[in-house]
């Protein structure tokens, strides 16, 4: 993150953040919809 503030793009760190974000959405998205459907 510090590299981005100083204008130095760090491709590896950006890719890691994108993969982690996609994994969180893939796990919690379906779980959230499942809970939402059960409450209605």
C-alpha atoms as a PDB file:
ATOM      1  CA  UNK A   1       0.000   0.000   0.000  1.00  0.00           C
ATOM      2  CA  UNK A   2       2.840   2.359   0.790  1.00  0.00           C
ATOM      3  CA  UNK A   3       4.231   1.858  -2.722  1.00  0.00           C
ATOM      4  CA  UNK A   4       0.961   2.972  -4.273  1.00  0.00           C
ATOM      5  CA  UNK A   5       0.958   6.162  -2.205  1.00  0.00           C
ATOM      6  CA  UNK A   6       4.467   6.963  -3.435  1.00  0.00           C
ATOM      7  CA  UNK A   7       3.488   6.265  -7.045  1.00  0.00           C
ATOM      8  CA  UNK A   8       5.146   2.877  -7.407  1.00  0.00           C
ATOM      9  CA  UNK A   9       2.677   0.308  -8.742  1.00  0.00           C
ATOM     10  CA  UNK A  10       3.197  -3.095  -7.185  1.00  0.00           C
ATOM     11  CA  UNK A  11       1.548  -5.673  -9.458  1.00  0.00           C
ATOM     12  CA  UNK A  12       1.936  -8.604  -7.088  1.00  0.00           C
ATOM     13  CA  UNK A  13       0.232  -6.862  -4.203  1.00  0.00           C
ATOM     14  CA  UNK A  14      -2.600  -5.617  -6.413  1.00  0.00           C
ATOM     15  CA  UNK A  15      -3.172  -9.126  -7.768  1.00  0.00           C
ATOM     16  CA  UNK A  16      -3.199 -10.540  -4.229  1.00  0.00           C
ATOM     17  CA  UNK A  17      -5.802  -8.012  -3.089  1.00  0.00           C
ATOM     18  CA  UNK A  18      -7.998  -8.754  -6.117  1.00  0.00           C
ATOM     19  CA  UNK A  19      -7.800 -12.523  -5.522  1.00  0.00           C
ATOM     20  CA  UNK A  20      -8.632 -12.156  -1.822  1.00  0.00           C
ATOM     21  CA  UNK A  21     -11.541  -9.829  -2.631  1.00  0.00           C
ATOM     22  CA  UNK A  22     -12.932 -12.238  -5.213  1.00  0.00           C
ATOM     23  CA  UNK A  23     -12.639 -15.126  -2.756  1.00  0.00           C
ATOM     24  CA  UNK A  24     -14.532 -13.197  -0.080  1.00  0.00           C
ATOM     25  CA  UNK A  25     -17.318 -12.337  -2.523  1.00  0.00           C
ATOM     26  CA  UNK A  26     -17.446 -15.951  -3.753  1.00  0.00           C
ATOM     27  CA  UNK A  27     -17.820 -17.248  -0.185  1.00  0.00           C
ATOM     28  CA  UNK A  28     -20.031 -14.653   1.462  1.00  0.00           C
ATOM     29  CA  UNK A  29     -22.207 -13.711  -1.538  1.00  0.00           C
ATOM     30  CA  UNK A  30     -24.048 -17.043  -1.719  1.00  0.00           C
ATOM     31  CA  UNK A  31     -24.243 -17.272   2.068  1.00  0.00           C
ATOM     32  CA  UNK A  32     -25.822 -13.827   2.256  1.00  0.00           C
ATOM     33  CA  UNK A  33     -28.376 -14.673  -0.416  1.00  0.00           C
ATOM     34  CA  UNK A  34     -29.213 -17.940   1.344  1.00  0.00           C
ATOM     35  CA  UNK A  35     -29.926 -16.126   4.614  1.00  0.00           C
ATOM     36  CA  UNK A  36     -31.869 -13.419   2.779  1.00  0.00           C
ATOM     37  CA  UNK A  37     -34.105 -15.963   1.023  1.00  0.00           C
ATOM     38  CA  UNK A  38     -34.852 -17.803   4.269  1.00  0.00           C
ATOM     39  CA  UNK A  39     -35.982 -14.630   6.055  1.00  0.00           C
ATOM     40  CA  UNK A  40     -38.513 -13.736   3.342  1.00  0.00           C
END
